[in-house]
Protein backbone atom coordinates (compact mmCIF):
# COMPACT_ATOMS: atom_id res chain seq x y z
CA MET A 1 -45.21 -91.22 22.27
CA SER A 2 -46.70 -87.96 23.49
CA HIS A 3 -49.34 -86.32 21.43
CA CYS A 4 -50.42 -82.75 20.90
CA VAL A 5 -53.57 -81.25 19.48
CA LEU A 6 -53.97 -78.20 17.28
CA LEU A 7 -57.01 -76.09 18.08
CA LEU A 8 -58.26 -73.80 15.32
CA PRO A 9 -61.23 -71.38 15.33
CA SER A 10 -63.57 -73.38 13.08
CA VAL A 11 -64.21 -76.74 11.46
CA HIS A 12 -63.51 -75.08 8.09
CA ASP A 13 -60.03 -74.10 9.33
CA VAL A 14 -59.38 -77.64 10.57
CA MET A 15 -60.41 -79.08 7.19
CA LYS A 16 -58.10 -76.66 5.36
CA ALA A 17 -55.19 -77.47 7.71
CA GLU A 18 -55.85 -81.21 7.39
CA LYS A 19 -55.64 -80.96 3.60
CA ILE A 20 -52.32 -79.08 3.77
CA LEU A 21 -50.80 -81.47 6.31
CA LEU A 22 -51.90 -84.67 4.58
CA LYS A 23 -50.62 -83.38 1.23
CA ALA A 24 -47.23 -82.83 2.92
CA GLY A 25 -47.25 -86.41 4.24
CA CYS A 26 -47.82 -85.61 7.92
CA ASN A 27 -49.20 -88.31 10.20
CA ILE A 28 -52.25 -86.61 11.74
CA ASN A 29 -55.77 -87.45 12.86
CA VAL A 30 -58.83 -85.27 13.17
CA ILE A 31 -60.53 -86.03 16.48
CA ALA A 32 -63.34 -84.58 18.59
CA THR A 33 -62.24 -81.55 20.59
CA PRO A 34 -61.63 -82.45 24.24
CA ARG A 35 -64.24 -80.59 26.30
CA GLU A 36 -61.65 -79.04 28.58
CA LEU A 37 -60.12 -77.21 25.60
CA SER A 38 -63.06 -75.62 23.81
CA HIS A 39 -66.75 -75.69 23.15
CA ASN A 40 -66.51 -73.67 19.92
CA CYS A 41 -64.93 -75.93 17.31
CA GLY A 42 -65.96 -79.57 17.37
CA VAL A 43 -62.72 -81.05 16.05
CA VAL A 44 -58.95 -80.68 16.49
CA ILE A 45 -55.91 -82.09 14.73
CA ARG A 46 -53.97 -84.66 16.75
CA PHE A 47 -50.27 -85.14 15.99
CA ASP A 48 -47.02 -86.38 17.51
CA CYS A 49 -45.47 -83.53 19.53
CA SER A 50 -42.10 -84.17 17.91
CA ASN A 51 -43.60 -82.73 14.70
CA TYR A 52 -44.54 -79.41 16.35
CA ASN A 53 -42.20 -77.20 14.30
CA VAL A 54 -42.96 -78.96 11.02
CA LEU A 55 -46.68 -78.52 11.58
CA LEU A 56 -46.38 -74.81 12.36
CA SER A 57 -44.10 -74.27 9.40
CA LEU A 58 -46.58 -75.88 7.02
CA LEU A 59 -49.49 -73.90 8.47
CA GLY A 60 -47.64 -70.61 8.84
CA GLU A 61 -49.57 -68.94 6.02
CA MET A 62 -52.99 -69.64 7.54
CA PRO A 63 -54.16 -66.28 8.95
CA VAL A 64 -55.98 -67.77 11.95
CA GLU A 65 -55.21 -68.21 15.63
CA LYS A 66 -53.49 -71.52 16.31
CA LYS A 67 -53.31 -73.02 19.80
CA ILE A 68 -51.39 -76.19 20.55
CA PHE A 69 -51.89 -78.33 23.63
CA LYS A 70 -49.86 -81.28 24.89
CA LYS A 71 -51.44 -84.09 26.86
CA SER A 72 -49.62 -84.40 30.18
CA ASP A 73 -48.83 -87.53 32.17
CA GLU A 74 -51.77 -86.63 34.42
CA ASN A 75 -54.06 -86.93 31.39
CA LYS A 76 -54.62 -83.17 31.24
CA TYR A 77 -53.94 -80.78 28.40
CA GLU A 78 -51.36 -78.02 28.82
CA GLU A 79 -50.99 -75.22 26.28
CA VAL A 80 -47.58 -75.24 24.61
CA THR A 81 -48.21 -72.67 21.88
CA GLN A 82 -45.07 -70.70 21.07
CA GLU A 83 -45.43 -67.04 20.15
């Protein structure tokens, strides 16, 4: 199972997104932000990449920048955010 992480601008935004996603029944985890992704926000939302479109649909109304990264086979994160 490949996993992705959702990077948002602030911890407040992550908490708001977490509440929305859990209420909708999504299987997510809030984890520490990998250092190679950002030094600004301390946490990200980890989710199964197969739920990418569901996640974005549920969070579509949040007026913040959303970046999504997928962990590669080489154990590196690659941005997969769709415009």
